[in-house]
Amino acid sequence: MDNSLLKQVLREYDEKRTKAIIAADKRKKELLAINPTLADIDNQICCIALQNAKSILLSDSKEKNRLISDLKKKLNSLIKEKNDFIKNLSKENSYLNPHFECKLCKDTGYIQKDGISTMCTCLKQRLFDIAYNKSNMGNLERENFSSFDLRIFSDKPDKEKYKSDISPRENIQIIRQKAKNFIENFDNPDEKNLIFTGNTGVGKTFLTNCIANEILKLGKTVLYQTAPVMFDEINEAKFTRENSTIDLYEDILNVDLLIIDDLGTEKITDSKITELFTIINTRLLNQNHKITKTIISTNLNVDELFKTYTTRIGSRLAGNYRFLRFFGDDLRFKKAKKEA
């Protein structure tokens, strides 16, 4: 990942963290100004904290432990009194605390544990969104399970047209449930990856966004690329920006959920087939020692996939992916007709 991009995003994080702290300070001043009792409790808490620090520095070991224990009891009592007072004002206990967007890193972008600093998933995702996802995941607010409308799918079976005994609506209900199972069991190594097949406009991208939405809520990272763009970026990174090649591959191989959209629309070459095999196989081998999942969306049917991408790739897909076939009328055409 480009260092200049990281610096840019960290400046954004610093700005929003500062705003959250300033807003919390403003709320506190306003509340203390009209509630002298709360100000008095706050002063007592500060005094206890100072006494605690002095006890650690000046007392002998035995006396120190007794004093610290007494001070902790007083401090806990004052904190409870403060929280009860705030609650009586119809405020949440966290009202006076900064309201950070990310509770894990408190909008710093990094998590400290055992003296080790690691990048928070929220920062990783922000970098992915700028560097890779761009407009691919721009519809997440609108395309989610709460806006999933089964009524737009036909409830009339047509075996000759759809090559199925069930209706498009029944089919999408089954697929939706399998998608929810995929989300619920994401961290289960036995849960298979997903491959969506079907014509354009039958709901593949919508459902993909629904899944991405839920995975992000779990605090995981999502990288969403169309196959043509992904292969082009890999090729460009290899031949024009050698230093970024490693980053690009690491991101594709290590992201929690990789979404490859429109597989089969890229110009097929031996090198791209090799790249695809490397991506699929490496993620399946779990070489990064964590659970990663992949969703592939394609207009190709199963036979076309095997013919296009060789038996090696086909066998990996057949053994480790759950194939879900979408069918029905072009939903985008139906929506346009309805709105006209």
C-alpha atoms as a PDB file:
ATOM      1  CA  MET A   1       0.000   0.000   0.000  1.00  0.00           C
ATOM      2  CA  ASP A   2       1.258   3.464  -0.960  1.00  0.00           C
ATOM      3  CA  ASN A   3       2.788   5.275   2.057  1.00  0.00           C
ATOM      4  CA  SER A   4       1.313   8.579   0.897  1.00  0.00           C
ATOM      5  CA  LEU A   5      -2.157   7.004   0.930  1.00  0.00           C
ATOM      6  CA  LEU A   6      -1.595   5.682   4.450  1.00  0.00           C
ATOM      7  CA  LYS A   7      -0.465   9.126   5.631  1.00  0.00           C
ATOM      8  CA  GLN A   8      -3.516  10.727   4.030  1.00  0.00           C
ATOM      9  CA  VAL A   9      -5.907   8.309   5.751  1.00  0.00           C
ATOM     10  CA  LEU A  10      -4.139   8.650   9.107  1.00  0.00           C
ATOM     11  CA  ARG A  11      -4.621  12.432   8.853  1.00  0.00           C
ATOM     12  CA  GLU A  12      -8.343  11.762   8.361  1.00  0.00           C
ATOM     13  CA  TYR A  13      -8.314   9.514  11.435  1.00  0.00           C
ATOM     14  CA  ASP A  14      -6.516  12.149  13.490  1.00  0.00           C
ATOM     15  CA  GLU A  15      -9.074  14.774  12.463  1.00  0.00           C
ATOM     16  CA  LYS A  16     -12.128  12.668  13.324  1.00  0.00           C
ATOM     17  CA  ARG A  17     -10.551  11.543  16.627  1.00  0.00           C
ATOM     18  CA  THR A  18      -9.847  15.180  17.551  1.00  0.00           C
ATOM     19  CA  LYS A  19     -13.431  16.158  16.662  1.00  0.00           C
ATOM     20  CA  ALA A  20     -14.804  13.368  18.856  1.00  0.00           C
ATOM     21  CA  ILE A  21     -12.653  14.482  21.812  1.00  0.00           C
ATOM     22  CA  ILE A  22     -13.604  18.161  21.369  1.00  0.00           C
ATOM     23  CA  ALA A  23     -17.313  17.247  21.129  1.00  0.00           C
ATOM     24  CA  ALA A  24     -17.045  15.151  24.327  1.00  0.00           C
ATOM     25  CA  ASP A  25     -15.312  18.032  26.130  1.00  0.00           C
ATOM     26  CA  LYS A  26     -18.080  20.405  25.025  1.00  0.00           C
ATOM     27  CA  ARG A  27     -20.800  18.022  26.299  1.00  0.00           C
ATOM     28  CA  LYS A  28     -18.980  17.704  29.599  1.00  0.00           C
ATOM     29  CA  LYS A  29     -18.612  21.466  30.096  1.00  0.00           C
ATOM     30  CA  GLU A  30     -22.279  22.043  29.295  1.00  0.00           C
ATOM     31  CA  LEU A  31     -23.391  19.323  31.698  1.00  0.00           C
ATOM     32  CA  LEU A  32     -21.081  20.428  34.509  1.00  0.00           C
ATOM     33  CA  ALA A  33     -22.188  24.056  34.139  1.00  0.00           C
ATOM     34  CA  ILE A  34     -25.796  23.240  34.996  1.00  0.00           C
ATOM     35  CA  ASN A  35     -25.108  20.356  37.407  1.00  0.00           C
ATOM     36  CA  PRO A  36     -22.731  21.424  40.234  1.00  0.00           C
ATOM     37  CA  THR A  37     -23.140  18.031  41.924  1.00  0.00           C
ATOM     38  CA  LEU A  38     -21.615  16.302  38.928  1.00  0.00           C
ATOM     39  CA  ALA A  39     -18.718  18.777  38.946  1.00  0.00           C
ATOM     40  CA  ASP A  40     -18.106  18.002  42.618  1.00  0.00           C
ATOM     41  CA  ILE A  41     -18.060  14.229  41.948  1.00  0.00           C
ATOM     42  CA  ASP A  42     -15.613  14.790  39.089  1.00  0.00           C
ATOM     43  CA  ASN A  43     -13.298  16.805  41.370  1.00  0.00           C
ATOM     44  CA  GLN A  44     -13.368  14.026  43.981  1.00  0.00           C
ATOM     45  CA  ILE A  45     -12.476  11.460  41.307  1.00  0.00           C
ATOM     46  CA  CYS A  46      -9.477  13.592  40.278  1.00  0.00           C
ATOM     47  CA  CYS A  47      -8.362  13.881  43.921  1.00  0.00           C
ATOM     48  CA  ILE A  48      -8.611  10.115  44.412  1.00  0.00           C
ATOM     49  CA  ALA A  49      -6.499   9.559  41.291  1.00  0.00           C
ATOM     50  CA  LEU A  50      -3.793  11.916  42.635  1.00  0.00           C
ATOM     51  CA  GLN A  51      -3.835  10.237  46.057  1.00  0.00           C
ATOM     52  CA  ASN A  52      -3.491   6.877  44.347  1.00  0.00           C
ATOM     53  CA  ALA A  53      -0.401   8.084  42.461  1.00  0.00           C
ATOM     54  CA  LYS A  54       1.186   9.468  45.651  1.00  0.00           C
ATOM     55  CA  SER A  55       0.527   6.221  47.525  1.00  0.00           C
ATOM     56  CA  ILE A  56       2.342   4.222  44.872  1.00  0.00           C
ATOM     57  CA  LEU A  57       5.366   6.513  45.089  1.00  0.00           C
ATOM     58  CA  LEU A  58       5.662   7.142  48.848  1.00  0.00           C
ATOM     59  CA  SER A  59       4.276   4.193  50.809  1.00  0.00           C
ATOM     60  CA  ASP A  60       6.018   0.950  51.713  1.00  0.00           C
ATOM     61  CA  SER A  61       4.818  -2.232  50.087  1.00  0.00           C
ATOM     62  CA  LYS A  62       2.346  -3.372  52.763  1.00  0.00           C
ATOM     63  CA  GLU A  63       0.938   0.088  53.411  1.00  0.00           C
ATOM     64  CA  LYS A  64       0.852   0.808  49.696  1.00  0.00           C
ATOM     65  CA  ASN A  65      -1.397  -2.193  48.951  1.00  0.00           C
ATOM     66  CA  ARG A  66      -3.829  -1.229  51.722  1.00  0.00           C
ATOM     67  CA  LEU A  67      -4.032   2.409  50.572  1.00  0.00           C
ATOM     68  CA  ILE A  68      -4.464   1.457  46.940  1.00  0.00           C
ATOM     69  CA  SER A  69      -7.242  -0.972  47.850  1.00  0.00           C
ATOM     70  CA  ASP A  70      -9.071   1.704  49.879  1.00  0.00           C
ATOM     71  CA  LEU A  71      -8.666   4.287  47.140  1.00  0.00           C
ATOM     72  CA  LYS A  72      -9.970   1.887  44.495  1.00  0.00           C
ATOM     73  CA  LYS A  73     -13.102   1.270  46.571  1.00  0.00           C
ATOM     74  CA  LYS A  74     -13.671   5.015  46.930  1.00  0.00           C
ATOM     75  CA  LEU A  75     -13.014   5.550  43.220  1.00  0.00           C
ATOM     76  CA  ASN A  76     -15.446   2.794  42.151  1.00  0.00           C
ATOM     77  CA  SER A  77     -18.060   4.231  44.502  1.00  0.00           C
ATOM     78  CA  LEU A  78     -17.642   7.717  43.016  1.00  0.00           C
ATOM     79  CA  ILE A  79     -17.780   6.381  39.451  1.00  0.00           C
ATOM     80  CA  LYS A  80     -21.009   4.537  40.273  1.00  0.00           C
ATOM     81  CA  GLU A  81     -22.414   7.710  41.839  1.00  0.00           C
ATOM     82  CA  LYS A  82     -21.429   9.667  38.720  1.00  0.00           C
ATOM     83  CA  ASN A  83     -23.011   7.115  36.361  1.00  0.00           C
ATOM     84  CA  ASP A  84     -26.219   7.019  38.422  1.00  0.00           C
ATOM     85  CA  PHE A  85     -26.363  10.823  38.375  1.00  0.00           C
ATOM     86  CA  ILE A  86     -25.924  10.901  34.575  1.00  0.00           C
ATOM     87  CA  LYS A  87     -28.554   8.177  34.184  1.00  0.00           C
ATOM     88  CA  ASN A  88     -31.023  10.243  36.214  1.00  0.00           C
ATOM     89  CA  LEU A  89     -30.465  13.040  33.701  1.00  0.00           C
ATOM     90  CA  SER A  90     -31.696  10.594  31.003  1.00  0.00           C
ATOM     91  CA  LYS A  91     -28.196  10.309  29.560  1.00  0.00           C
ATOM     92  CA  GLU A  92     -26.160   7.218  28.719  1.00  0.00           C
ATOM     93  CA  ASN A  93     -23.121   6.450  30.906  1.00  0.00           C
ATOM     94  CA  SER A  94     -20.966   6.993  27.829  1.00  0.00           C
ATOM     95  CA  TYR A  95     -22.447  10.456  27.215  1.00  0.00           C
ATOM     96  CA  LEU A  96     -19.351  12.242  28.480  1.00  0.00           C
ATOM     97  CA  ASN A  97     -16.909   9.973  26.660  1.00  0.00           C
ATOM     98  CA  PRO A  98     -15.673  10.663  23.113  1.00  0.00           C
ATOM     99  CA  HIS A  99     -17.908   8.906  20.585  1.00  0.00           C
ATOM    100  CA  PHE A 100     -15.315   7.299  18.345  1.00  0.00           C
ATOM    101  CA  GLU A 101     -16.415   5.632  15.096  1.00  0.00           C
ATOM    102  CA  CYS A 102     -14.309   2.552  15.867  1.00  0.00           C
ATOM    103  CA  LYS A 103     -14.578   1.232  19.400  1.00  0.00           C
ATOM    104  CA  LEU A 104     -11.574  -1.058  18.926  1.00  0.00           C
ATOM    105  CA  CYS A 105      -8.880   1.456  18.005  1.00  0.00           C
ATOM    106  CA  LYS A 106     -10.665   4.625  19.206  1.00  0.00           C
ATOM    107  CA  ASP A 107     -10.054   6.148  15.766  1.00  0.00           C
ATOM    108  CA  THR A 108      -6.274   5.847  15.966  1.00  0.00           C
ATOM    109  CA  GLY A 109      -6.132   3.150  13.275  1.00  0.00           C
ATOM    110  CA  TYR A 110      -4.009   0.870  15.451  1.00  0.00           C
ATOM    111  CA  ILE A 111      -4.611  -1.534  18.326  1.00  0.00           C
ATOM    112  CA  GLN A 112      -2.066  -1.934  21.108  1.00  0.00           C
ATOM    113  CA  LYS A 113      -1.798  -5.356  22.738  1.00  0.00           C
ATOM    114  CA  ASP A 114       1.058  -6.726  24.821  1.00  0.00           C
ATOM    115  CA  GLY A 115       3.293  -3.917  23.621  1.00  0.00           C
ATOM    116  CA  ILE A 116       2.618  -4.746  19.961  1.00  0.00           C
ATOM    117  CA  SER A 117       0.871  -2.333  17.605  1.00  0.00           C
ATOM    118  CA  THR A 118      -1.263  -3.826  14.811  1.00  0.00           C
ATOM    119  CA  MET A 119      -3.343  -2.120  12.158  1.00  0.00           C
ATOM    120  CA  CYS A 120      -7.054  -2.101  13.002  1.00  0.00           C
ATOM    121  CA  THR A 121      -9.448  -3.721  10.533  1.00  0.00           C
ATOM    122  CA  CYS A 122     -11.241  -0.379  10.120  1.00  0.00           C
ATOM    123  CA  LEU A 123      -8.044   1.235   8.803  1.00  0.00           C
ATOM    124  CA  LYS A 124      -7.313  -1.738   6.530  1.00  0.00           C
ATOM    125  CA  GLN A 125     -10.833  -1.509   5.124  1.00  0.00           C
ATOM    126  CA  ARG A 126     -10.543   2.241   4.557  1.00  0.00           C
ATOM    127  CA  LEU A 127      -7.334   1.669   2.584  1.00  0.00           C
ATOM    128  CA  PHE A 128      -8.964  -1.144   0.589  1.00  0.00           C
ATOM    129  CA  ASP A 129     -11.954   1.063  -0.223  1.00  0.00           C
ATOM    130  CA  ILE A 130      -9.742   3.823  -1.615  1.00  0.00           C
ATOM    131  CA  ALA A 131      -7.155   1.666  -3.386  1.00  0.00           C
ATOM    132  CA  TYR A 132      -9.336  -1.120  -4.754  1.00  0.00           C
ATOM    133  CA  ASN A 133     -13.050  -1.056  -4.030  1.00  0.00           C
ATOM    134  CA  LYS A 134     -13.695   2.491  -5.257  1.00  0.00           C
ATOM    135  CA  SER A 135     -17.151   2.487  -6.841  1.00  0.00           C
ATOM    136  CA  ASN A 136     -17.651  -1.287  -6.560  1.00  0.00           C
ATOM    137  CA  MET A 137     -19.088  -1.087  -3.070  1.00  0.00           C
ATOM    138  CA  GLY A 138     -20.742   2.307  -3.353  1.00  0.00           C
ATOM    139  CA  ASN A 139     -24.276   0.914  -3.036  1.00  0.00           C
ATOM    140  CA  LEU A 140     -23.942  -0.817   0.335  1.00  0.00           C
ATOM    141  CA  GLU A 141     -26.296   1.595   2.086  1.00  0.00           C
ATOM    142  CA  ARG A 142     -29.059   0.742  -0.396  1.00  0.00           C
ATOM    143  CA  GLU A 143     -28.223  -2.860  -1.202  1.00  0.00           C
ATOM    144  CA  ASN A 144     -28.569  -4.911   1.981  1.00  0.00           C
ATOM    145  CA  PHE A 145     -30.781  -7.616   3.431  1.00  0.00           C
ATOM    146  CA  SER A 146     -33.232  -5.082   4.886  1.00  0.00           C
ATOM    147  CA  SER A 147     -33.948  -3.782   1.361  1.00  0.00           C
ATOM    148  CA  PHE A 148     -34.023  -7.272  -0.181  1.00  0.00           C
ATOM    149  CA  ASP A 149     -37.423  -7.441  -1.904  1.00  0.00           C
ATOM    150  CA  LEU A 150     -38.468 -10.954  -2.909  1.00  0.00           C
ATOM    151  CA  ARG A 151     -41.520  -9.601  -4.732  1.00  0.00           C
ATOM    152  CA  ILE A 152     -39.456  -8.408  -7.687  1.00  0.00           C
ATOM    153  CA  PHE A 153     -38.669 -12.041  -8.526  1.00  0.00           C
ATOM    154  CA  SER A 154     -41.292 -13.955 -10.492  1.00  0.00           C
ATOM    155  CA  ASP A 155     -43.258 -16.561  -8.540  1.00  0.00           C
ATOM    156  CA  LYS A 156     -44.177 -18.475 -11.709  1.00  0.00           C
ATOM    157  CA  PRO A 157     -42.147 -21.613 -12.535  1.00  0.00           C
ATOM    158  CA  ASP A 158     -41.141 -22.050 -16.177  1.00  0.00           C
ATOM    159  CA  LYS A 159     -39.057 -25.172 -16.703  1.00  0.00           C
ATOM    160  CA  GLU A 160     -38.485 -24.548 -20.395  1.00  0.00           C
ATOM    161  CA  LYS A 161     -37.327 -20.957 -19.832  1.00  0.00           C
ATOM    162  CA  TYR A 162     -35.401 -21.289 -16.549  1.00  0.00           C
ATOM    163  CA  LYS A 163     -34.306 -24.955 -16.746  1.00  0.00           C
ATOM    164  CA  SER A 164     -35.690 -25.480 -13.249  1.00  0.00           C
ATOM    165  CA  ASP A 165     -38.813 -26.869 -11.602  1.00  0.00           C
ATOM    166  CA  ILE A 166     -39.038 -23.957  -9.170  1.00  0.00           C
ATOM    167  CA  SER A 167     -39.779 -20.275  -9.704  1.00  0.00           C
ATOM    168  CA  PRO A 168     -37.134 -17.511  -9.586  1.00  0.00           C
ATOM    169  CA  ARG A 169     -38.635 -16.377  -6.274  1.00  0.00           C
ATOM    170  CA  GLU A 170     -38.310 -19.822  -4.686  1.00  0.00           C
ATOM    171  CA  ASN A 171     -34.780 -20.073  -6.038  1.00  0.00           C
ATOM    172  CA  ILE A 172     -33.665 -16.711  -4.643  1.00  0.00           C
ATOM    173  CA  GLN A 173     -35.166 -17.602  -1.245  1.00  0.00           C
ATOM    174  CA  ILE A 174     -32.973 -20.712  -1.155  1.00  0.00           C
ATOM    175  CA  ILE A 175     -29.919 -18.718  -2.273  1.00  0.00           C
ATOM    176  CA  ARG A 176     -30.573 -15.982   0.283  1.00  0.00           C
ATOM    177  CA  GLN A 177     -30.669 -18.544   3.088  1.00  0.00           C
ATOM    178  CA  LYS A 178     -27.408 -20.107   1.914  1.00  0.00           C
ATOM    179  CA  ALA A 179     -25.872 -16.616   1.849  1.00  0.00           C
ATOM    180  CA  LYS A 180     -26.970 -16.038   5.440  1.00  0.00           C
ATOM    181  CA  ASN A 181     -25.503 -19.408   6.434  1.00  0.00           C
ATOM    182  CA  PHE A 182     -22.251 -18.348   4.782  1.00  0.00           C
ATOM    183  CA  ILE A 183     -22.176 -15.174   6.913  1.00  0.00           C
ATOM    184  CA  GLU A 184     -23.078 -16.952  10.157  1.00  0.00           C
ATOM    185  CA  ASN A 185     -20.419 -19.623   9.592  1.00  0.00           C
ATOM    186  CA  PHE A 186     -17.770 -17.380   8.081  1.00  0.00           C
ATOM    187  CA  ASP A 187     -15.119 -18.418  10.613  1.00  0.00           C
ATOM    188  CA  ASN A 188     -15.834 -22.101  10.154  1.00  0.00           C
ATOM    189  CA  PRO A 189     -13.091 -23.626   7.959  1.00  0.00           C
ATOM    190  CA  ASP A 190     -15.604 -26.182   6.667  1.00  0.00           C
ATOM    191  CA  GLU A 191     -17.946 -23.509   5.318  1.00  0.00           C
ATOM    192  CA  LYS A 192     -17.501 -23.436   1.557  1.00  0.00           C
ATOM    193  CA  ASN A 193     -16.799 -20.394  -0.563  1.00  0.00           C
ATOM    194  CA  LEU A 194     -19.507 -19.177  -2.942  1.00  0.00           C
ATOM    195  CA  ILE A 195     -19.726 -18.912  -6.701  1.00  0.00           C
ATOM    196  CA  PHE A 196     -22.728 -17.100  -8.209  1.00  0.00           C
ATOM    197  CA  THR A 197     -23.617 -18.031 -11.792  1.00  0.00           C
ATOM    198  CA  GLY A 198     -26.333 -16.586 -13.987  1.00  0.00           C
ATOM    199  CA  ASN A 199     -27.174 -13.991 -16.576  1.00  0.00           C
ATOM    200  CA  THR A 200     -26.793 -10.259 -16.114  1.00  0.00           C
ATOM    201  CA  GLY A 201     -29.448  -8.545 -14.006  1.00  0.00           C
ATOM    202  CA  VAL A 202     -30.711 -11.523 -11.983  1.00  0.00           C
ATOM    203  CA  GLY A 203     -29.513 -10.315  -8.547  1.00  0.00           C
ATOM    204  CA  LYS A 204     -25.931 -11.575  -8.218  1.00  0.00           C
ATOM    205  CA  THR A 205     -24.322  -8.206  -7.498  1.00  0.00           C
ATOM    206  CA  PHE A 206     -27.128  -7.164  -5.145  1.00  0.00           C
ATOM    207  CA  LEU A 207     -26.741 -10.285  -3.019  1.00  0.00           C
ATOM    208  CA  THR A 208     -22.955  -9.906  -3.071  1.00  0.00           C
ATOM    209  CA  ASN A 209     -23.356  -6.407  -1.610  1.00  0.00           C
ATOM    210  CA  CYS A 210     -25.758  -7.768   1.014  1.00  0.00           C
ATOM    211  CA  ILE A 211     -23.108 -10.255   2.131  1.00  0.00           C
ATOM    212  CA  ALA A 212     -20.309  -7.659   2.050  1.00  0.00           C
ATOM    213  CA  ASN A 213     -22.426  -5.402   4.256  1.00  0.00           C
ATOM    214  CA  GLU A 214     -22.822  -8.070   6.940  1.00  0.00           C
ATOM    215  CA  ILE A 215     -19.185  -9.170   6.820  1.00  0.00           C
ATOM    216  CA  LEU A 216     -18.060  -5.564   7.363  1.00  0.00           C
ATOM    217  CA  LYS A 217     -20.370  -5.374  10.393  1.00  0.00           C
ATOM    218  CA  LEU A 218     -18.454  -8.337  11.832  1.00  0.00           C
ATOM    219  CA  GLY A 219     -15.312  -6.189  11.779  1.00  0.00           C
ATOM    220  CA  LYS A 220     -13.750  -8.067   8.889  1.00  0.00           C
ATOM    221  CA  THR A 221     -12.143  -6.740   5.726  1.00  0.00           C
ATOM    222  CA  VAL A 222     -13.641  -6.965   2.253  1.00  0.00           C
ATOM    223  CA  LEU A 223     -11.855  -6.441  -1.065  1.00  0.00           C
ATOM    224  CA  TYR A 224     -14.189  -6.204  -4.056  1.00  0.00           C
ATOM    225  CA  GLN A 225     -12.831  -6.187  -7.600  1.00  0.00           C
ATOM    226  CA  THR A 226     -14.148  -7.003 -11.052  1.00  0.00           C
ATOM    227  CA  ALA A 227     -12.040  -9.681 -12.715  1.00  0.00           C
ATOM    228  CA  PRO A 228     -10.852  -7.454 -15.611  1.00  0.00           C
ATOM    229  CA  VAL A 229      -9.713  -4.670 -13.254  1.00  0.00           C
ATOM    230  CA  MET A 230      -8.076  -7.093 -10.816  1.00  0.00           C
ATOM    231  CA  PHE A 231      -6.011  -8.827 -13.492  1.00  0.00           C
ATOM    232  CA  ASP A 232      -5.073  -5.505 -15.106  1.00  0.00           C
ATOM    233  CA  GLU A 233      -3.912  -4.093 -11.761  1.00  0.00           C
ATOM    234  CA  ILE A 234      -1.862  -7.207 -11.031  1.00  0.00           C
ATOM    235  CA  ASN A 235      -0.286  -6.967 -14.485  1.00  0.00           C
ATOM    236  CA  GLU A 236       0.391  -3.235 -14.104  1.00  0.00           C
ATOM    237  CA  ALA A 237       1.863  -3.727 -10.645  1.00  0.00           C
ATOM    238  CA  LYS A 238       4.197  -6.420 -11.947  1.00  0.00           C
ATOM    239  CA  PHE A 239       5.549  -4.467 -14.862  1.00  0.00           C
ATOM    240  CA  THR A 240       5.395  -0.817 -13.798  1.00  0.00           C
ATOM    241  CA  ARG A 241       5.340  -0.653  -9.993  1.00  0.00           C
ATOM    242  CA  GLU A 242       7.383  -3.556  -8.696  1.00  0.00           C
ATOM    243  CA  ASN A 243       7.305  -2.405  -5.064  1.00  0.00           C
ATOM    244  CA  SER A 244       3.507  -2.437  -5.024  1.00  0.00           C
ATOM    245  CA  THR A 245       3.219  -5.942  -6.452  1.00  0.00           C
ATOM    246  CA  ILE A 246       3.866  -7.521  -3.071  1.00  0.00           C
ATOM    247  CA  ASP A 247       1.283  -5.289  -1.375  1.00  0.00           C
ATOM    248  CA  LEU A 248      -1.335  -6.014  -4.029  1.00  0.00           C
ATOM    249  CA  TYR A 249      -0.828  -9.755  -3.808  1.00  0.00           C
ATOM    250  CA  GLU A 250      -0.784  -9.701  -0.013  1.00  0.00           C
ATOM    251  CA  ASP A 251      -4.039  -7.763   0.063  1.00  0.00           C
ATOM    252  CA  ILE A 252      -5.749 -10.118  -2.387  1.00  0.00           C
ATOM    253  CA  LEU A 253      -4.451 -13.244  -0.664  1.00  0.00           C
ATOM    254  CA  ASN A 254      -4.976 -12.130   2.951  1.00  0.00           C
ATOM    255  CA  VAL A 255      -8.195 -10.076   2.972  1.00  0.00           C
ATOM    256  CA  ASP A 256     -10.945 -11.766   4.997  1.00  0.00           C
ATOM    257  CA  LEU A 257     -13.442 -11.745   2.132  1.00  0.00           C
ATOM    258  CA  LEU A 258     -12.310 -11.445  -1.473  1.00  0.00           C
ATOM    259  CA  ILE A 259     -15.071 -10.761  -4.007  1.00  0.00           C
ATOM    260  CA  ILE A 260     -14.225 -11.335  -7.681  1.00  0.00           C
ATOM    261  CA  ASP A 261     -17.047  -9.988  -9.822  1.00  0.00           C
ATOM    262  CA  ASP A 262     -17.694 -10.575 -13.532  1.00  0.00           C
ATOM    263  CA  LEU A 263     -15.267 -13.468 -13.901  1.00  0.00           C
ATOM    264  CA  GLY A 264     -15.188 -14.407 -17.576  1.00  0.00           C
ATOM    265  CA  THR A 265     -15.545 -10.865 -18.926  1.00  0.00           C
ATOM    266  CA  GLU A 266     -11.770 -10.351 -18.923  1.00  0.00           C
ATOM    267  CA  LYS A 267      -9.670 -11.168 -21.974  1.00  0.00           C
ATOM    268  CA  ILE A 268      -8.554 -14.728 -21.287  1.00  0.00           C
ATOM    269  CA  THR A 269      -4.797 -15.349 -21.403  1.00  0.00           C
ATOM    270  CA  ASP A 270      -2.562 -18.067 -19.986  1.00  0.00           C
ATOM    271  CA  SER A 271      -1.022 -15.599 -17.543  1.00  0.00           C
ATOM    272  CA  LYS A 272      -4.442 -14.587 -16.182  1.00  0.00           C
ATOM    273  CA  ILE A 273      -5.462 -18.209 -15.764  1.00  0.00           C
ATOM    274  CA  THR A 274      -2.229 -18.776 -13.832  1.00  0.00           C
ATOM    275  CA  GLU A 275      -2.919 -15.724 -11.649  1.00  0.00           C
ATOM    276  CA  LEU A 276      -6.446 -16.945 -10.923  1.00  0.00           C
ATOM    277  CA  PHE A 277      -5.207 -20.393  -9.933  1.00  0.00           C
ATOM    278  CA  THR A 278      -2.599 -18.838  -7.608  1.00  0.00           C
ATOM    279  CA  ILE A 279      -5.219 -16.648  -5.926  1.00  0.00           C
ATOM    280  CA  ILE A 280      -7.796 -19.412  -5.487  1.00  0.00           C
ATOM    281  CA  ASN A 281      -5.302 -22.074  -4.430  1.00  0.00           C
ATOM    282  CA  THR A 282      -3.332 -19.899  -2.000  1.00  0.00           C
ATOM    283  CA  ARG A 283      -6.481 -18.702  -0.237  1.00  0.00           C
ATOM    284  CA  LEU A 284      -7.710 -22.294   0.037  1.00  0.00           C
ATOM    285  CA  LEU A 285      -4.393 -23.446   1.512  1.00  0.00           C
ATOM    286  CA  ASN A 286      -4.849 -20.904   4.312  1.00  0.00           C
ATOM    287  CA  GLN A 287      -1.153 -20.042   4.315  1.00  0.00           C
ATOM    288  CA  ASN A 288      -1.782 -16.912   6.396  1.00  0.00           C
ATOM    289  CA  HIS A 289      -3.142 -19.078   9.244  1.00  0.00           C
ATOM    290  CA  LYS A 290      -6.547 -17.400   9.355  1.00  0.00           C
ATOM    291  CA  ILE A 291      -9.948 -18.066   7.847  1.00  0.00           C
ATOM    292  CA  THR A 292     -10.424 -16.350   4.497  1.00  0.00           C
ATOM    293  CA  LYS A 293     -13.381 -16.720   2.161  1.00  0.00           C
ATOM    294  CA  THR A 294     -13.992 -15.899  -1.495  1.00  0.00           C
ATOM    295  CA  ILE A 295     -17.092 -15.097  -3.534  1.00  0.00           C
ATOM    296  CA  ILE A 296     -16.908 -15.324  -7.321  1.00  0.00           C
ATOM    297  CA  SER A 297     -19.653 -13.949  -9.550  1.00  0.00           C
ATOM    298  CA  THR A 298     -19.848 -14.899 -13.224  1.00  0.00           C
ATOM    299  CA  ASN A 299     -22.195 -14.973 -16.207  1.00  0.00           C
ATOM    300  CA  LEU A 300     -20.633 -18.284 -17.263  1.00  0.00           C
ATOM    301  CA  ASN A 301     -22.355 -21.567 -16.467  1.00  0.00           C
ATOM    302  CA  VAL A 302     -20.520 -24.469 -14.840  1.00  0.00           C
ATOM    303  CA  ASP A 303     -19.526 -26.139 -18.123  1.00  0.00           C
ATOM    304  CA  GLU A 304     -18.207 -22.848 -19.530  1.00  0.00           C
ATOM    305  CA  LEU A 305     -16.159 -22.243 -16.382  1.00  0.00           C
ATOM    306  CA  PHE A 306     -14.439 -25.625 -16.716  1.00  0.00           C
ATOM    307  CA  LYS A 307     -13.744 -25.096 -20.415  1.00  0.00           C
ATOM    308  CA  THR A 308     -12.437 -21.567 -19.939  1.00  0.00           C
ATOM    309  CA  TYR A 309     -10.263 -21.940 -16.832  1.00  0.00           C
ATOM    310  CA  THR A 310      -8.747 -25.436 -17.117  1.00  0.00           C
ATOM    311  CA  THR A 311      -9.395 -28.545 -15.064  1.00  0.00           C
ATOM    312  CA  ARG A 312      -6.988 -27.449 -12.300  1.00  0.00           C
ATOM    313  CA  ILE A 313      -9.107 -24.411 -11.478  1.00  0.00           C
ATOM    314  CA  GLY A 314     -12.361 -26.265 -12.128  1.00  0.00           C
ATOM    315  CA  SER A 315     -11.478 -28.971  -9.611  1.00  0.00           C
ATOM    316  CA  ARG A 316     -10.654 -26.355  -6.948  1.00  0.00           C
ATOM    317  CA  LEU A 317     -13.989 -24.661  -7.546  1.00  0.00           C
ATOM    318  CA  ALA A 318     -15.948 -27.927  -7.590  1.00  0.00           C
ATOM    319  CA  GLY A 319     -14.421 -29.153  -4.348  1.00  0.00           C
ATOM    320  CA  ASN A 320     -14.340 -25.961  -2.308  1.00  0.00           C
ATOM    321  CA  TYR A 321     -17.113 -23.701  -3.631  1.00  0.00           C
ATOM    322  CA  ARG A 322     -20.879 -23.877  -3.377  1.00  0.00           C
ATOM    323  CA  PHE A 323     -22.367 -23.158  -6.810  1.00  0.00           C
ATOM    324  CA  LEU A 324     -25.539 -21.052  -6.674  1.00  0.00           C
ATOM    325  CA  ARG A 325     -27.366 -20.498  -9.950  1.00  0.00           C
ATOM    326  CA  PHE A 326     -29.437 -17.329 -10.314  1.00  0.00           C
ATOM    327  CA  PHE A 327     -32.164 -17.227 -12.940  1.00  0.00           C
ATOM    328  CA  GLY A 328     -35.137 -15.119 -13.923  1.00  0.00           C
ATOM    329  CA  ASP A 329     -35.919 -12.002 -15.921  1.00  0.00           C
ATOM    330  CA  ASP A 330     -33.559  -9.007 -16.030  1.00  0.00           C
ATOM    331  CA  LEU A 331     -34.470  -7.169 -12.823  1.00  0.00           C
ATOM    332  CA  ARG A 332     -32.956  -3.920 -13.996  1.00  0.00           C
ATOM    333  CA  PHE A 333     -35.246  -3.942 -17.021  1.00  0.00           C
ATOM    334  CA  LYS A 334     -38.251  -4.677 -14.795  1.00  0.00           C
ATOM    335  CA  LYS A 335     -37.356  -1.819 -12.440  1.00  0.00           C
ATOM    336  CA  ALA A 336     -36.873   0.620 -15.314  1.00  0.00           C
ATOM    337  CA  LYS A 337     -40.215  -0.421 -16.812  1.00  0.00           C
ATOM    338  CA  LYS A 338     -41.931  -0.012 -13.440  1.00  0.00           C
ATOM    339  CA  GLU A 339     -40.457   3.459 -12.887  1.00  0.00           C
ATOM    340  CA  ALA A 340     -41.306   4.634 -16.421  1.00  0.00           C
END
